[in-house]
């Protein structure tokens, strides 16, 4: 007994029965039109990355951040960065003098400077 598959997929179902293989059911021009060559390699373009923005992640965070942001807007970015650099250098000198007076080594001094920077970030001085 030969089995056949109908359009509904059941043996003896509704519609016309499909006999044979797919290759013999489509012939001539229709076959060439429906079958397109499949590329072996598909090229995927790299996603376009925008250049990184140099923005402060501490913008608006901390107790003193609003004062720092307003001061930067009033006096200008260039002058503000000059003043900030001088303040940081002065603070590092104070830490160095303190370390000399208590006899702390360079590693401890560097740790105190890093701690000062971390505290400055938390308080908003680096906003």
PDB file of N, CA and C in Angstrom:
ATOM      1  N   UNK A   1       0.845  -1.163   0.000  1.00  0.00           N
ATOM      2  CA  UNK A   1       0.000   0.000   0.000  1.00  0.00           C
ATOM      3  C   UNK A   1       0.896   1.232   0.000  1.00  0.00           C
ATOM      4  N   UNK A   2       0.680   2.067  -0.954  1.00  0.00           N
ATOM      5  CA  UNK A   2       1.493   3.270  -1.099  1.00  0.00           C
ATOM      6  C   UNK A   2       0.909   4.365  -0.234  1.00  0.00           C
ATOM      7  N   UNK A   3       1.800   5.063   0.476  1.00  0.00           N
ATOM      8  CA  UNK A   3       1.302   6.150   1.317  1.00  0.00           C
ATOM      9  C   UNK A   3       1.484   7.463   0.582  1.00  0.00           C
ATOM     10  N   UNK A   4       0.565   8.336   0.796  1.00  0.00           N
ATOM     11  CA  UNK A   4       0.637   9.646   0.171  1.00  0.00           C
ATOM     12  C   UNK A   4       0.412  10.708   1.232  1.00  0.00           C
ATOM     13  N   UNK A   5       0.967  11.879   1.001  1.00  0.00           N
ATOM     14  CA  UNK A   5       0.821  12.994   1.932  1.00  0.00           C
ATOM     15  C   UNK A   5       0.003  14.053   1.227  1.00  0.00           C
ATOM     16  N   UNK A   6      -1.074  14.466   1.836  1.00  0.00           N
ATOM     17  CA  UNK A   6      -1.924  15.472   1.217  1.00  0.00           C
ATOM     18  C   UNK A   6      -1.480  16.857   1.647  1.00  0.00           C
ATOM     19  N   UNK A   7      -2.167  17.871   1.185  1.00  0.00           N
ATOM     20  CA  UNK A   7      -1.846  19.250   1.515  1.00  0.00           C
ATOM     21  C   UNK A   7      -2.005  19.503   3.006  1.00  0.00           C
ATOM     22  N   UNK A   8      -2.871  18.764   3.668  1.00  0.00           N
ATOM     23  CA  UNK A   8      -3.053  18.956   5.102  1.00  0.00           C
ATOM     24  C   UNK A   8      -2.052  18.154   5.907  1.00  0.00           C
ATOM     25  N   UNK A   9      -1.309  17.252   5.263  1.00  0.00           N
ATOM     26  CA  UNK A   9      -0.290  16.493   5.957  1.00  0.00           C
ATOM     27  C   UNK A   9      -0.768  15.155   6.476  1.00  0.00           C
ATOM     28  N   UNK A  10      -2.028  14.820   6.289  1.00  0.00           N
ATOM     29  CA  UNK A  10      -2.547  13.559   6.778  1.00  0.00           C
ATOM     30  C   UNK A  10      -2.806  12.621   5.625  1.00  0.00           C
ATOM     31  N   UNK A  11      -2.681  11.377   5.883  1.00  0.00           N
ATOM     32  CA  UNK A  11      -2.947  10.351   4.872  1.00  0.00           C
ATOM     33  C   UNK A  11      -4.438  10.329   4.570  1.00  0.00           C
ATOM     34  N   UNK A  12      -4.752  10.542   3.317  1.00  0.00           N
ATOM     35  CA  UNK A  12      -6.144  10.494   2.912  1.00  0.00           C
ATOM     36  C   UNK A  12      -6.916  11.735   3.312  1.00  0.00           C
ATOM     37  N   UNK A  13      -6.254  12.851   3.563  1.00  0.00           N
ATOM     38  CA  UNK A  13      -6.932  14.071   3.983  1.00  0.00           C
ATOM     39  C   UNK A  13      -7.525  14.815   2.802  1.00  0.00           C
ATOM     40  N   UNK A  14      -7.916  16.045   3.046  1.00  0.00           N
ATOM     41  CA  UNK A  14      -8.521  16.866   2.006  1.00  0.00           C
ATOM     42  C   UNK A  14      -7.466  17.436   1.084  1.00  0.00           C
ATOM     43  N   UNK A  15      -7.861  17.860  -0.085  1.00  0.00           N
ATOM     44  CA  UNK A  15      -6.959  18.495  -1.028  1.00  0.00           C
ATOM     45  C   UNK A  15      -6.302  17.468  -1.924  1.00  0.00           C
ATOM     46  N   UNK A  16      -5.411  17.919  -2.751  1.00  0.00           N
ATOM     47  CA  UNK A  16      -4.747  17.026  -3.680  1.00  0.00           C
ATOM     48  C   UNK A  16      -3.557  16.380  -3.007  1.00  0.00           C
ATOM     49  N   UNK A  17      -3.263  15.187  -3.401  1.00  0.00           N
ATOM     50  CA  UNK A  17      -2.153  14.453  -2.811  1.00  0.00           C
ATOM     51  C   UNK A  17      -0.875  14.799  -3.546  1.00  0.00           C
ATOM     52  N   UNK A  18       0.229  14.822  -2.806  1.00  0.00           N
ATOM     53  CA  UNK A  18       1.544  15.096  -3.387  1.00  0.00           C
ATOM     54  C   UNK A  18       2.247  13.774  -3.593  1.00  0.00           C
ATOM     55  N   UNK A  19       2.617  13.516  -4.808  1.00  0.00           N
ATOM     56  CA  UNK A  19       3.314  12.267  -5.129  1.00  0.00           C
ATOM     57  C   UNK A  19       4.660  12.620  -5.733  1.00  0.00           C
ATOM     58  N   UNK A  20       5.678  11.935  -5.320  1.00  0.00           N
ATOM     59  CA  UNK A  20       6.993  12.168  -5.906  1.00  0.00           C
ATOM     60  C   UNK A  20       7.855  13.000  -4.982  1.00  0.00           C
ATOM     61  N   UNK A  21       8.916  13.559  -5.554  1.00  0.00           N
ATOM     62  CA  UNK A  21       9.840  14.356  -4.756  1.00  0.00           C
ATOM     63  C   UNK A  21       9.704  15.821  -5.121  1.00  0.00           C
ATOM     64  N   UNK A  22      10.282  16.675  -4.293  1.00  0.00           N
ATOM     65  CA  UNK A  22      10.209  18.115  -4.550  1.00  0.00           C
ATOM     66  C   UNK A  22      10.970  18.485  -5.820  1.00  0.00           C
ATOM     67  N   UNK A  23      12.024  17.800  -6.073  1.00  0.00           N
ATOM     68  CA  UNK A  23      12.829  18.109  -7.251  1.00  0.00           C
ATOM     69  C   UNK A  23      12.095  17.862  -8.547  1.00  0.00           C
ATOM     70  N   UNK A  24      11.221  16.885  -8.572  1.00  0.00           N
ATOM     71  CA  UNK A  24      10.495  16.598  -9.809  1.00  0.00           C
ATOM     72  C   UNK A  24       9.208  17.378  -9.908  1.00  0.00           C
ATOM     73  N   UNK A  25       8.761  17.990  -8.820  1.00  0.00           N
ATOM     74  CA  UNK A  25       7.497  18.705  -8.883  1.00  0.00           C
ATOM     75  C   UNK A  25       7.654  20.095  -9.477  1.00  0.00           C
ATOM     76  N   UNK A  26       8.870  20.672  -9.397  1.00  0.00           N
ATOM     77  CA  UNK A  26       9.106  21.996  -9.972  1.00  0.00           C
ATOM     78  C   UNK A  26      10.086  21.815 -11.122  1.00  0.00           C
ATOM     79  N   UNK A  27       9.642  22.148 -12.304  1.00  0.00           N
ATOM     80  CA  UNK A  27      10.494  21.965 -13.471  1.00  0.00           C
ATOM     81  C   UNK A  27      10.520  23.225 -14.312  1.00  0.00           C
ATOM     82  N   UNK A  28      11.511  23.319 -15.150  1.00  0.00           N
ATOM     83  CA  UNK A  28      11.580  24.391 -16.135  1.00  0.00           C
ATOM     84  C   UNK A  28      11.969  25.722 -15.545  1.00  0.00           C
ATOM     85  N   UNK A  29      11.346  26.786 -16.058  1.00  0.00           N
ATOM     86  CA  UNK A  29      11.676  28.148 -15.667  1.00  0.00           C
ATOM     87  C   UNK A  29      11.335  28.425 -14.205  1.00  0.00           C
ATOM     88  N   UNK A  30      10.262  27.823 -13.726  1.00  0.00           N
ATOM     89  CA  UNK A  30       9.866  28.043 -12.337  1.00  0.00           C
ATOM     90  C   UNK A  30      10.964  27.598 -11.370  1.00  0.00           C
ATOM     91  N   UNK A  31      11.609  26.510 -11.672  1.00  0.00           N
ATOM     92  CA  UNK A  31      12.657  25.982 -10.805  1.00  0.00           C
ATOM     93  C   UNK A  31      13.833  26.964 -10.720  1.00  0.00           C
ATOM     94  N   UNK A  32      14.256  27.486 -11.842  1.00  0.00           N
ATOM     95  CA  UNK A  32      15.387  28.414 -11.863  1.00  0.00           C
ATOM     96  C   UNK A  32      15.040  29.709 -11.142  1.00  0.00           C
ATOM     97  N   UNK A  33      13.792  30.132 -11.231  1.00  0.00           N
ATOM     98  CA  UNK A  33      13.381  31.375 -10.599  1.00  0.00           C
ATOM     99  C   UNK A  33      13.296  31.222  -9.075  1.00  0.00           C
ATOM    100  N   UNK A  34      12.829  30.069  -8.604  1.00  0.00           N
ATOM    101  CA  UNK A  34      12.635  29.863  -7.174  1.00  0.00           C
ATOM    102  C   UNK A  34      13.912  29.495  -6.432  1.00  0.00           C
ATOM    103  N   UNK A  35      14.839  28.858  -7.093  1.00  0.00           N
ATOM    104  CA  UNK A  35      16.065  28.421  -6.445  1.00  0.00           C
ATOM    105  C   UNK A  35      17.150  29.459  -6.711  1.00  0.00           C
ATOM    106  N   UNK A  36      17.620  30.088  -5.635  1.00  0.00           N
ATOM    107  CA  UNK A  36      18.677  31.091  -5.768  1.00  0.00           C
ATOM    108  C   UNK A  36      19.927  30.534  -5.103  1.00  0.00           C
ATOM    109  N   UNK A  37      21.081  30.877  -5.634  1.00  0.00           N
ATOM    110  CA  UNK A  37      22.306  30.373  -5.008  1.00  0.00           C
ATOM    111  C   UNK A  37      22.473  30.994  -3.616  1.00  0.00           C
ATOM    112  N   UNK A  38      22.909  30.184  -2.691  1.00  0.00           N
ATOM    113  CA  UNK A  38      23.126  30.626  -1.319  1.00  0.00           C
ATOM    114  C   UNK A  38      24.606  30.957  -1.158  1.00  0.00           C
ATOM    115  N   UNK A  39      24.921  32.162  -0.673  1.00  0.00           N
ATOM    116  CA  UNK A  39      26.342  32.499  -0.490  1.00  0.00           C
ATOM    117  C   UNK A  39      26.959  31.633   0.601  1.00  0.00           C
ATOM    118  N   UNK A  40      28.208  31.254   0.377  1.00  0.00           N
ATOM    119  CA  UNK A  40      28.897  30.424   1.361  1.00  0.00           C
ATOM    120  C   UNK A  40      29.298  31.229   2.593  1.00  0.00           C
ATOM    121  N   UNK A  41      29.737  32.442   2.356  1.00  0.00           N
ATOM    122  CA  UNK A  41      30.202  33.287   3.454  1.00  0.00           C
ATOM    123  C   UNK A  41      29.333  34.535   3.498  1.00  0.00           C
ATOM    124  N   UNK A  42      28.882  34.856   4.661  1.00  0.00           N
ATOM    125  CA  UNK A  42      28.098  36.064   4.842  1.00  0.00           C
ATOM    126  C   UNK A  42      28.966  37.058   5.593  1.00  0.00           C
ATOM    127  N   UNK A  43      29.116  38.232   5.034  1.00  0.00           N
ATOM    128  CA  UNK A  43      29.923  39.261   5.689  1.00  0.00           C
ATOM    129  C   UNK A  43      29.024  40.127   6.559  1.00  0.00           C
ATOM    130  N   UNK A  44      29.472  40.325   7.756  1.00  0.00           N
ATOM    131  CA  UNK A  44      28.752  41.171   8.682  1.00  0.00           C
ATOM    132  C   UNK A  44      29.649  42.353   8.992  1.00  0.00           C
ATOM    133  N   UNK A  45      29.125  43.542   8.783  1.00  0.00           N
ATOM    134  CA  UNK A  45      29.914  44.740   9.032  1.00  0.00           C
ATOM    135  C   UNK A  45      30.094  44.939  10.529  1.00  0.00           C
ATOM    136  N   UNK A  46      31.242  45.490  10.890  1.00  0.00           N
ATOM    137  CA  UNK A  46      31.491  45.786  12.292  1.00  0.00           C
ATOM    138  C   UNK A  46      30.589  46.945  12.706  1.00  0.00           C
ATOM    139  N   UNK A  47      30.084  46.912  13.923  1.00  0.00           N
ATOM    140  CA  UNK A  47      29.258  48.028  14.371  1.00  0.00           C
ATOM    141  C   UNK A  47      30.099  49.291  14.479  1.00  0.00           C
ATOM    142  N   UNK A  48      29.509  50.387  14.091  1.00  0.00           N
ATOM    143  CA  UNK A  48      30.209  51.656  14.129  1.00  0.00           C
ATOM    144  C   UNK A  48      30.184  52.174  15.559  1.00  0.00           C
ATOM    145  N   UNK A  49      31.367  52.374  16.119  1.00  0.00           N
ATOM    146  CA  UNK A  49      31.471  52.878  17.479  1.00  0.00           C
ATOM    147  C   UNK A  49      31.785  54.363  17.430  1.00  0.00           C
ATOM    148  N   UNK A  50      31.061  55.107  18.226  1.00  0.00           N
ATOM    149  CA  UNK A  50      31.365  56.520  18.314  1.00  0.00           C
ATOM    150  C   UNK A  50      32.572  56.692  19.224  1.00  0.00           C
ATOM    151  N   UNK A  51      33.355  57.726  19.002  1.00  0.00           N
ATOM    152  CA  UNK A  51      34.521  57.941  19.858  1.00  0.00           C
ATOM    153  C   UNK A  51      34.073  58.166  21.295  1.00  0.00           C
ATOM    154  N   UNK A  52      34.865  57.705  22.254  1.00  0.00           N
ATOM    155  CA  UNK A  52      34.450  57.845  23.657  1.00  0.00           C
ATOM    156  C   UNK A  52      34.355  59.303  24.063  1.00  0.00           C
ATOM    157  N   UNK A  53      33.315  59.598  24.797  1.00  0.00           N
ATOM    158  CA  UNK A  53      33.122  60.961  25.289  1.00  0.00           C
ATOM    159  C   UNK A  53      33.882  61.107  26.600  1.00  0.00           C
ATOM    160  N   UNK A  54      34.633  62.162  26.716  1.00  0.00           N
ATOM    161  CA  UNK A  54      35.375  62.423  27.938  1.00  0.00           C
ATOM    162  C   UNK A  54      34.456  63.225  28.865  1.00  0.00           C
ATOM    163  N   UNK A  55      33.558  62.512  29.515  1.00  0.00           N
ATOM    164  CA  UNK A  55      32.628  63.152  30.422  1.00  0.00           C
ATOM    165  C   UNK A  55      32.872  62.628  31.820  1.00  0.00           C
ATOM    166  N   UNK A  56      32.752  63.484  32.785  1.00  0.00           N
ATOM    167  CA  UNK A  56      32.975  63.101  34.162  1.00  0.00           C
ATOM    168  C   UNK A  56      31.797  62.277  34.654  1.00  0.00           C
ATOM    169  N   UNK A  57      32.080  61.089  35.170  1.00  0.00           N
ATOM    170  CA  UNK A  57      31.026  60.224  35.680  1.00  0.00           C
ATOM    171  C   UNK A  57      30.482  60.737  37.009  1.00  0.00           C
ATOM    172  N   UNK A  58      31.185  61.661  37.657  1.00  0.00           N
ATOM    173  CA  UNK A  58      30.750  62.202  38.939  1.00  0.00           C
ATOM    174  C   UNK A  58      29.951  63.492  38.781  1.00  0.00           C
ATOM    175  N   UNK A  59      29.576  63.825  37.561  1.00  0.00           N
ATOM    176  CA  UNK A  59      28.840  65.059  37.300  1.00  0.00           C
ATOM    177  C   UNK A  59      27.541  65.065  38.102  1.00  0.00           C
ATOM    178  N   UNK A  60      27.410  66.031  38.996  1.00  0.00           N
ATOM    179  CA  UNK A  60      26.182  66.182  39.766  1.00  0.00           C
ATOM    180  C   UNK A  60      26.093  65.306  40.988  1.00  0.00           C
ATOM    181  N   UNK A  61      27.136  64.533  41.317  1.00  0.00           N
ATOM    182  CA  UNK A  61      27.102  63.655  42.489  1.00  0.00           C
ATOM    183  C   UNK A  61      27.949  64.259  43.601  1.00  0.00           C
ATOM    184  N   UNK A  62      27.508  64.122  44.798  1.00  0.00           N
ATOM    185  CA  UNK A  62      28.278  64.591  45.952  1.00  0.00           C
ATOM    186  C   UNK A  62      27.735  65.892  46.506  1.00  0.00           C
ATOM    187  N   UNK A  63      28.127  66.181  47.722  1.00  0.00           N
ATOM    188  CA  UNK A  63      27.646  67.355  48.440  1.00  0.00           C
ATOM    189  C   UNK A  63      28.078  68.664  47.772  1.00  0.00           C
ATOM    190  N   UNK A  64      29.313  68.717  47.301  1.00  0.00           N
ATOM    191  CA  UNK A  64      29.845  69.960  46.738  1.00  0.00           C
ATOM    192  C   UNK A  64      29.733  70.040  45.216  1.00  0.00           C
ATOM    193  N   UNK A  65      29.158  69.044  44.586  1.00  0.00           N
ATOM    194  CA  UNK A  65      29.073  69.013  43.123  1.00  0.00           C
ATOM    195  C   UNK A  65      28.346  70.217  42.530  1.00  0.00           C
ATOM    196  N   UNK A  66      27.209  70.643  43.070  1.00  0.00           N
ATOM    197  CA  UNK A  66      26.541  71.814  42.474  1.00  0.00           C
ATOM    198  C   UNK A  66      27.409  73.072  42.496  1.00  0.00           C
ATOM    199  N   UNK A  67      28.142  73.277  43.592  1.00  0.00           N
ATOM    200  CA  UNK A  67      29.021  74.454  43.695  1.00  0.00           C
ATOM    201  C   UNK A  67      30.141  74.350  42.661  1.00  0.00           C
ATOM    202  N   UNK A  68      30.704  73.164  42.510  1.00  0.00           N
ATOM    203  CA  UNK A  68      31.793  72.956  41.552  1.00  0.00           C
ATOM    204  C   UNK A  68      31.303  73.199  40.130  1.00  0.00           C
ATOM    205  N   UNK A  69      30.130  72.677  39.786  1.00  0.00           N
ATOM    206  CA  UNK A  69      29.591  72.826  38.427  1.00  0.00           C
ATOM    207  C   UNK A  69      29.293  74.291  38.129  1.00  0.00           C
ATOM    208  N   UNK A  70      28.686  74.999  39.069  1.00  0.00           N
ATOM    209  CA  UNK A  70      28.361  76.421  38.850  1.00  0.00           C
ATOM    210  C   UNK A  70      29.635  77.241  38.722  1.00  0.00           C
ATOM    211  N   UNK A  71      30.631  76.958  39.558  1.00  0.00           N
ATOM    212  CA  UNK A  71      31.904  77.674  39.483  1.00  0.00           C
ATOM    213  C   UNK A  71      32.559  77.455  38.124  1.00  0.00           C
ATOM    214  N   UNK A  72      32.532  76.221  37.622  1.00  0.00           N
ATOM    215  CA  UNK A  72      33.122  75.932  36.309  1.00  0.00           C
ATOM    216  C   UNK A  72      32.391  76.700  35.213  1.00  0.00           C
ATOM    217  N   UNK A  73      31.076  76.827  35.315  1.00  0.00           N
ATOM    218  CA  UNK A  73      30.312  77.560  34.304  1.00  0.00           C
ATOM    219  C   UNK A  73      30.604  79.057  34.358  1.00  0.00           C
ATOM    220  N   UNK A  74      30.832  79.576  35.555  1.00  0.00           N
ATOM    221  CA  UNK A  74      31.072  81.013  35.702  1.00  0.00           C
ATOM    222  C   UNK A  74      32.466  81.402  35.217  1.00  0.00           C
ATOM    223  N   UNK A  75      33.501  80.704  35.681  1.00  0.00           N
ATOM    224  CA  UNK A  75      34.862  81.135  35.349  1.00  0.00           C
ATOM    225  C   UNK A  75      35.405  80.495  34.074  1.00  0.00           C
ATOM    226  N   UNK A  76      34.732  79.513  33.540  1.00  0.00           N
ATOM    227  CA  UNK A  76      35.191  78.863  32.310  1.00  0.00           C
ATOM    228  C   UNK A  76      35.977  77.598  32.605  1.00  0.00           C
ATOM    229  N   UNK A  77      35.924  76.685  31.652  1.00  0.00           N
ATOM    230  CA  UNK A  77      36.530  75.373  31.843  1.00  0.00           C
ATOM    231  C   UNK A  77      38.056  75.438  31.974  1.00  0.00           C
ATOM    232  N   UNK A  78      38.689  76.258  31.124  1.00  0.00           N
ATOM    233  CA  UNK A  78      40.153  76.318  31.133  1.00  0.00           C
ATOM    234  C   UNK A  78      40.670  76.870  32.461  1.00  0.00           C
ATOM    235  N   UNK A  79      40.139  77.978  32.892  1.00  0.00           N
ATOM    236  CA  UNK A  79      40.569  78.593  34.156  1.00  0.00           C
ATOM    237  C   UNK A  79      40.233  77.683  35.339  1.00  0.00           C
ATOM    238  N   UNK A  80      39.065  77.054  35.287  1.00  0.00           N
ATOM    239  CA  UNK A  80      38.644  76.150  36.357  1.00  0.00           C
ATOM    240  C   UNK A  80      39.618  74.980  36.495  1.00  0.00           C
ATOM    241  N   UNK A  81      40.016  74.387  35.366  1.00  0.00           N
ATOM    242  CA  UNK A  81      40.955  73.257  35.407  1.00  0.00           C
ATOM    243  C   UNK A  81      42.322  73.684  35.932  1.00  0.00           C
ATOM    244  N   UNK A  82      42.729  74.911  35.623  1.00  0.00           N
ATOM    245  CA  UNK A  82      43.991  75.418  36.168  1.00  0.00           C
ATOM    246  C   UNK A  82      43.918  75.532  37.691  1.00  0.00           C
ATOM    247  N   UNK A  83      42.824  76.092  38.179  1.00  0.00           N
ATOM    248  CA  UNK A  83      42.652  76.233  39.623  1.00  0.00           C
ATOM    249  C   UNK A  83      42.543  74.865  40.299  1.00  0.00           C
ATOM    250  N   UNK A  84      41.836  73.956  39.677  1.00  0.00           N
ATOM    251  CA  UNK A  84      41.707  72.611  40.245  1.00  0.00           C
ATOM    252  C   UNK A  84      43.070  71.929  40.320  1.00  0.00           C
ATOM    253  N   UNK A  85      43.865  72.066  39.266  1.00  0.00           N
ATOM    254  CA  UNK A  85      45.202  71.474  39.253  1.00  0.00           C
ATOM    255  C   UNK A  85      46.081  72.028  40.356  1.00  0.00           C
ATOM    256  N   UNK A  86      46.008  73.347  40.567  1.00  0.00           N
ATOM    257  CA  UNK A  86      46.789  73.967  41.639  1.00  0.00           C
ATOM    258  C   UNK A  86      46.327  73.471  43.003  1.00  0.00           C
ATOM    259  N   UNK A  87      45.023  73.345  43.187  1.00  0.00           N
ATOM    260  CA  UNK A  87      44.490  72.873  44.470  1.00  0.00           C
ATOM    261  C   UNK A  87      44.908  71.429  44.745  1.00  0.00           C
ATOM    262  N   UNK A  88      44.866  70.594  43.729  1.00  0.00           N
ATOM    263  CA  UNK A  88      45.264  69.195  43.901  1.00  0.00           C
ATOM    264  C   UNK A  88      46.750  69.101  44.225  1.00  0.00           C
ATOM    265  N   UNK A  89      47.572  69.894  43.527  1.00  0.00           N
ATOM    266  CA  UNK A  89      49.012  69.879  43.792  1.00  0.00           C
ATOM    267  C   UNK A  89      49.316  70.363  45.212  1.00  0.00           C
ATOM    268  N   UNK A  90      48.630  71.415  45.644  1.00  0.00           N
ATOM    269  CA  UNK A  90      48.829  71.937  46.992  1.00  0.00           C
ATOM    270  C   UNK A  90      48.423  70.893  48.041  1.00  0.00           C
ATOM    271  N   UNK A  91      47.307  70.216  47.805  1.00  0.00           N
ATOM    272  CA  UNK A  91      46.847  69.197  48.745  1.00  0.00           C
ATOM    273  C   UNK A  91      47.830  68.024  48.803  1.00  0.00           C
ATOM    274  N   UNK A  92      48.380  67.636  47.654  1.00  0.00           N
ATOM    275  CA  UNK A  92      49.382  66.558  47.634  1.00  0.00           C
ATOM    276  C   UNK A  92      50.632  66.959  48.409  1.00  0.00           C
ATOM    277  N   UNK A  93      51.026  68.235  48.314  1.00  0.00           N
ATOM    278  CA  UNK A  93      52.181  68.723  49.071  1.00  0.00           C
ATOM    279  C   UNK A  93      51.917  68.668  50.578  1.00  0.00           C
ATOM    280  N   UNK A  94      50.711  69.032  50.970  1.00  0.00           N
ATOM    281  CA  UNK A  94      50.345  68.982  52.396  1.00  0.00           C
ATOM    282  C   UNK A  94      50.404  67.541  52.892  1.00  0.00           C
ATOM    283  N   UNK A  95      49.883  66.606  52.085  1.00  0.00           N
ATOM    284  CA  UNK A  95      49.926  65.191  52.468  1.00  0.00           C
ATOM    285  C   UNK A  95      51.376  64.718  52.571  1.00  0.00           C
ATOM    286  N   UNK A  96      52.225  65.148  51.630  1.00  0.00           N
ATOM    287  CA  UNK A  96      53.640  64.762  51.648  1.00  0.00           C
ATOM    288  C   UNK A  96      54.331  65.301  52.903  1.00  0.00           C
ATOM    289  N   UNK A  97      54.089  66.537  53.245  1.00  0.00           N
ATOM    290  CA  UNK A  97      54.682  67.123  54.452  1.00  0.00           C
ATOM    291  C   UNK A  97      54.195  66.407  55.707  1.00  0.00           C
ATOM    292  N   UNK A  98      52.927  66.058  55.732  1.00  0.00           N
ATOM    293  CA  UNK A  98      52.392  65.317  56.872  1.00  0.00           C
ATOM    294  C   UNK A  98      53.079  63.959  57.002  1.00  0.00           C
ATOM    295  N   UNK A  99      53.261  63.269  55.873  1.00  0.00           N
ATOM    296  CA  UNK A  99      53.919  61.957  55.892  1.00  0.00           C
ATOM    297  C   UNK A  99      55.363  62.074  56.363  1.00  0.00           C
ATOM    298  N   UNK A 100      56.048  63.141  55.958  1.00  0.00           N
ATOM    299  CA  UNK A 100      57.430  63.354  56.417  1.00  0.00           C
ATOM    300  C   UNK A 100      57.469  63.572  57.919  1.00  0.00           C
ATOM    301  N   UNK A 101      56.506  64.319  58.429  1.00  0.00           N
ATOM    302  CA  UNK A 101      56.515  64.643  59.858  1.00  0.00           C
ATOM    303  C   UNK A 101      56.217  63.423  60.739  1.00  0.00           C
ATOM    304  N   UNK A 102      55.428  62.478  60.243  1.00  0.00           N
ATOM    305  CA  UNK A 102      55.132  61.291  61.053  1.00  0.00           C
ATOM    306  C   UNK A 102      56.020  60.108  60.691  1.00  0.00           C
ATOM    307  N   UNK A 103      56.868  60.262  59.661  1.00  0.00           N
ATOM    308  CA  UNK A 103      57.797  59.215  59.276  1.00  0.00           C
ATOM    309  C   UNK A 103      57.187  58.117  58.414  1.00  0.00           C
ATOM    310  N   UNK A 104      56.144  58.446  57.649  1.00  0.00           N
ATOM    311  CA  UNK A 104      55.514  57.454  56.762  1.00  0.00           C
ATOM    312  C   UNK A 104      56.339  57.303  55.491  1.00  0.00           C
ATOM    313  N   UNK A 105      56.390  56.079  54.953  1.00  0.00           N
ATOM    314  CA  UNK A 105      57.163  55.848  53.728  1.00  0.00           C
ATOM    315  C   UNK A 105      56.348  56.259  52.489  1.00  0.00           C
ATOM    316  N   UNK A 106      56.987  56.142  51.314  1.00  0.00           N
ATOM    317  CA  UNK A 106      56.369  56.592  50.064  1.00  0.00           C
ATOM    318  C   UNK A 106      55.099  55.811  49.723  1.00  0.00           C
ATOM    319  N   UNK A 107      55.083  54.531  50.078  1.00  0.00           N
ATOM    320  CA  UNK A 107      53.899  53.717  49.779  1.00  0.00           C
ATOM    321  C   UNK A 107      52.699  54.189  50.591  1.00  0.00           C
ATOM    322  N   UNK A 108      52.912  54.514  51.844  1.00  0.00           N
ATOM    323  CA  UNK A 108      51.824  55.030  52.680  1.00  0.00           C
ATOM    324  C   UNK A 108      51.368  56.404  52.193  1.00  0.00           C
ATOM    325  N   UNK A 109      52.347  57.217  51.775  1.00  0.00           N
ATOM    326  CA  UNK A 109      52.003  58.547  51.243  1.00  0.00           C
ATOM    327  C   UNK A 109      51.124  58.422  50.001  1.00  0.00           C
ATOM    328  N   UNK A 110      51.508  57.517  49.102  1.00  0.00           N
ATOM    329  CA  UNK A 110      50.729  57.311  47.881  1.00  0.00           C
ATOM    330  C   UNK A 110      49.319  56.820  48.216  1.00  0.00           C
ATOM    331  N   UNK A 111      49.212  55.960  49.235  1.00  0.00           N
ATOM    332  CA  UNK A 111      47.895  55.486  49.659  1.00  0.00           C
ATOM    333  C   UNK A 111      47.029  56.613  50.189  1.00  0.00           C
ATOM    334  N   UNK A 112      47.643  57.549  50.930  1.00  0.00           N
ATOM    335  CA  UNK A 112      46.879  58.701  51.438  1.00  0.00           C
ATOM    336  C   UNK A 112      46.429  59.619  50.307  1.00  0.00           C
ATOM    337  N   UNK A 113      47.270  59.797  49.294  1.00  0.00           N
ATOM    338  CA  UNK A 113      46.887  60.637  48.147  1.00  0.00           C
ATOM    339  C   UNK A 113      45.728  59.991  47.387  1.00  0.00           C
ATOM    340  N   UNK A 114      45.777  58.676  47.223  1.00  0.00           N
ATOM    341  CA  UNK A 114      44.658  57.982  46.552  1.00  0.00           C
ATOM    342  C   UNK A 114      43.379  58.082  47.365  1.00  0.00           C
ATOM    343  N   UNK A 115      43.506  57.957  48.675  1.00  0.00           N
ATOM    344  CA  UNK A 115      42.346  58.091  49.547  1.00  0.00           C
ATOM    345  C   UNK A 115      41.745  59.496  49.444  1.00  0.00           C
ATOM    346  N   UNK A 116      42.605  60.509  49.371  1.00  0.00           N
ATOM    347  CA  UNK A 116      42.133  61.889  49.232  1.00  0.00           C
ATOM    348  C   UNK A 116      41.371  62.066  47.916  1.00  0.00           C
ATOM    349  N   UNK A 117      41.870  61.448  46.850  1.00  0.00           N
ATOM    350  CA  UNK A 117      41.181  61.541  45.567  1.00  0.00           C
ATOM    351  C   UNK A 117      39.811  60.864  45.635  1.00  0.00           C
ATOM    352  N   UNK A 118      39.766  59.691  46.250  1.00  0.00           N
ATOM    353  CA  UNK A 118      38.504  58.958  46.377  1.00  0.00           C
ATOM    354  C   UNK A 118      37.495  59.754  47.200  1.00  0.00           C
ATOM    355  N   UNK A 119      37.966  60.357  48.284  1.00  0.00           N
ATOM    356  CA  UNK A 119      37.071  61.185  49.104  1.00  0.00           C
ATOM    357  C   UNK A 119      36.598  62.422  48.343  1.00  0.00           C
ATOM    358  N   UNK A 120      37.491  63.015  47.560  1.00  0.00           N
ATOM    359  CA  UNK A 120      37.111  64.157  46.734  1.00  0.00           C
ATOM    360  C   UNK A 120      36.038  63.801  45.719  1.00  0.00           C
ATOM    361  N   UNK A 121      36.130  62.612  45.139  1.00  0.00           N
ATOM    362  CA  UNK A 121      35.096  62.156  44.205  1.00  0.00           C
ATOM    363  C   UNK A 121      33.758  61.989  44.911  1.00  0.00           C
ATOM    364  N   UNK A 122      33.792  61.372  46.080  1.00  0.00           N
ATOM    365  CA  UNK A 122      32.540  61.140  46.830  1.00  0.00           C
ATOM    366  C   UNK A 122      31.874  62.445  47.258  1.00  0.00           C
ATOM    367  N   UNK A 123      32.689  63.426  47.628  1.00  0.00           N
ATOM    368  CA  UNK A 123      32.142  64.696  48.081  1.00  0.00           C
ATOM    369  C   UNK A 123      31.715  65.610  46.928  1.00  0.00           C
ATOM    370  N   UNK A 124      32.162  65.298  45.730  1.00  0.00           N
ATOM    371  CA  UNK A 124      31.751  66.103  44.575  1.00  0.00           C
ATOM    372  C   UNK A 124      32.762  67.136  44.148  1.00  0.00           C
ATOM    373  N   UNK A 125      33.966  67.117  44.712  1.00  0.00           N
ATOM    374  CA  UNK A 125      34.980  68.099  44.320  1.00  0.00           C
ATOM    375  C   UNK A 125      35.497  67.834  42.902  1.00  0.00           C
ATOM    376  N   UNK A 126      35.353  66.624  42.410  1.00  0.00           N
ATOM    377  CA  UNK A 126      35.832  66.297  41.071  1.00  0.00           C
ATOM    378  C   UNK A 126      34.693  66.248  40.056  1.00  0.00           C
ATOM    379  N   UNK A 127      33.580  66.884  40.378  1.00  0.00           N
ATOM    380  CA  UNK A 127      32.421  66.883  39.473  1.00  0.00           C
ATOM    381  C   UNK A 127      32.679  67.742  38.264  1.00  0.00           C
TER     382      UNK A 127
END
